[in-house]
Amino acid sequence: MCVGTDFCLVGLDTIRDPVRCAEIAERLAGTGRAMIDLSHAQIGEFAGNAIELQGRGARIVAMSARALKALQPQQVATLERFATILPLEVPTIELAGGSVRCMLAGIHLAARNLAQNAA
């Protein structure tokens, strides 16, 4: 699963409990994000292993080239409404079972004012 600012990539079919699946779908829909439902095959191609990054002035969705190839044109178009897709070739990482999201770490700290801290 990838949850971005305005979209989410999710494999609802992988949730076996229909009640829980409906709850999760409802909660995601309630966020106002565009929901892109992934098939089992797309998940196997690492389509859920994407991550939204904030670039200079624009959002980026980093995902493997393999994952991007697995998406349907309408799914790609939906993603492109919210961010620029950055496909990366990472076959060695994918051989080990990971993909782009596994290679990046997010920093979720408040910005510091270095000039203020130097005083």
Protein backbone atom coordinates (compact mmCIF):
# COMPACT_ATOMS: atom_id res chain seq x y z
CA MET A 1 0.00 0.00 0.00
CA CYS A 2 1.12 3.52 -0.75
CA VAL A 3 -0.72 6.44 0.82
CA GLY A 4 0.08 9.78 -0.74
CA THR A 5 -1.27 13.24 -0.08
CA ASP A 6 -4.10 12.99 -2.62
CA PHE A 7 -4.10 9.32 -3.67
CA CYS A 8 -3.59 5.81 -2.36
CA LEU A 9 -2.51 2.60 -4.04
CA VAL A 10 -4.18 -0.32 -2.29
CA GLY A 11 -4.86 -4.00 -2.95
CA LEU A 12 -8.32 -4.40 -1.46
CA ASP A 13 -8.65 -7.92 -2.90
CA THR A 14 -5.84 -9.07 -0.62
CA ILE A 15 -7.99 -8.45 2.48
CA ARG A 16 -9.77 -11.75 3.07
CA ASP A 17 -12.29 -10.57 5.65
CA PRO A 18 -15.04 -8.82 3.66
CA VAL A 19 -16.15 -6.74 6.65
CA ARG A 20 -12.61 -5.51 7.30
CA CYS A 21 -12.08 -4.87 3.57
CA ALA A 22 -15.22 -2.72 3.46
CA GLU A 23 -14.10 -0.82 6.58
CA ILE A 24 -10.70 -0.06 5.09
CA ALA A 25 -12.17 0.96 1.73
CA GLU A 26 -14.63 3.26 3.50
CA ARG A 27 -11.93 4.86 5.65
CA LEU A 28 -9.68 5.45 2.64
CA ALA A 29 -12.56 6.87 0.61
CA GLY A 30 -13.40 9.14 3.55
CA THR A 31 -9.97 10.77 3.34
CA GLY A 32 -10.85 12.27 -0.04
CA ARG A 33 -7.87 10.58 -1.67
CA ALA A 34 -8.26 9.03 -5.10
CA MET A 35 -8.20 5.28 -4.50
CA ILE A 36 -6.28 3.20 -7.04
CA ASP A 37 -7.14 -0.45 -6.44
CA LEU A 38 -4.32 -2.83 -7.33
CA SER A 39 -4.73 -6.39 -8.53
CA HIS A 40 -2.78 -9.32 -7.12
CA ALA A 41 -0.64 -9.29 -10.25
CA GLN A 42 0.15 -5.58 -9.86
CA ILE A 43 1.09 -6.10 -6.23
CA GLY A 44 3.40 -8.91 -7.35
CA GLU A 45 5.06 -6.38 -9.66
CA PHE A 46 5.65 -4.01 -6.70
CA ALA A 47 3.01 -1.43 -7.68
CA GLY A 48 2.14 -0.89 -4.02
CA ASN A 49 5.78 -0.32 -3.12
CA ALA A 50 5.83 3.32 -4.20
CA ILE A 51 6.43 6.42 -2.14
CA GLU A 52 5.40 10.03 -2.55
CA LEU A 53 8.24 12.51 -2.16
CA GLN A 54 8.18 16.27 -2.05
CA GLY A 55 10.44 17.76 -4.71
CA ARG A 56 11.16 21.44 -5.20
CA GLY A 57 7.72 22.77 -5.85
CA ALA A 58 6.19 19.46 -6.94
CA ARG A 59 5.30 16.05 -5.63
CA ILE A 60 6.98 12.96 -7.02
CA VAL A 61 5.84 9.34 -6.88
CA ALA A 62 8.95 7.18 -6.88
CA MET A 63 8.30 3.61 -8.03
CA SER A 64 10.14 0.96 -9.93
CA ALA A 65 9.91 0.83 -13.71
CA ARG A 66 8.55 -2.69 -13.26
CA ALA A 67 5.74 -1.38 -11.05
CA LEU A 68 4.88 1.39 -13.51
CA LYS A 69 4.66 -1.11 -16.38
CA ALA A 70 2.15 -3.14 -14.35
CA LEU A 71 -0.28 -0.23 -13.97
CA GLN A 72 -3.18 0.29 -16.33
CA PRO A 73 -3.24 3.56 -18.35
CA GLN A 74 -6.16 4.93 -16.27
CA GLN A 75 -4.28 4.19 -13.04
CA VAL A 76 -1.23 6.04 -14.38
CA ALA A 77 -3.42 8.96 -15.44
CA THR A 78 -4.91 9.15 -11.95
CA LEU A 79 -1.46 9.21 -10.33
CA GLU A 80 -0.25 11.85 -12.78
CA ARG A 81 -3.09 14.18 -11.69
CA PHE A 82 -1.35 14.48 -8.32
CA ALA A 83 2.36 13.97 -8.88
CA THR A 84 5.11 13.34 -11.39
CA ILE A 85 5.92 9.64 -11.65
CA LEU A 86 9.61 8.83 -11.35
CA PRO A 87 10.24 5.24 -12.52
CA LEU A 88 13.51 3.71 -11.33
CA GLU A 89 15.24 0.56 -12.51
CA VAL A 90 15.93 -1.50 -9.38
CA PRO A 91 16.02 -5.15 -10.53
CA THR A 92 18.57 -6.28 -7.94
CA ILE A 93 16.49 -4.96 -5.03
CA GLU A 94 13.37 -6.55 -6.51
CA LEU A 95 15.12 -9.91 -6.75
CA ALA A 96 15.46 -9.74 -2.97
CA GLY A 97 11.73 -8.96 -2.58
CA GLY A 98 11.87 -5.20 -2.05
CA SER A 99 11.48 -2.20 -4.27
CA VAL A 100 11.80 1.59 -4.28
CA ARG A 101 9.97 2.29 -1.02
CA CYS A 102 12.32 -0.11 0.78
CA MET A 103 15.32 1.91 -0.40
CA LEU A 104 14.22 5.31 0.92
CA ALA A 105 13.76 6.69 4.38
CA GLY A 106 11.44 9.52 5.24
CA ILE A 107 12.38 12.33 7.57
CA HIS A 108 9.37 13.60 9.46
CA LEU A 109 10.98 16.17 11.73
CA ALA A 110 10.02 19.80 12.05
CA ALA A 111 12.33 22.08 10.09
CA ARG A 112 14.99 23.74 12.20
CA ASN A 113 16.13 27.30 11.86
CA LEU A 114 19.92 26.90 11.74
CA ALA A 115 20.57 30.63 12.23
CA GLN A 116 18.47 30.63 15.41
CA ASN A 117 20.22 27.50 16.74
CA ALA A 118 23.67 29.05 16.18
CA ALA A 119 22.87 32.01 18.44
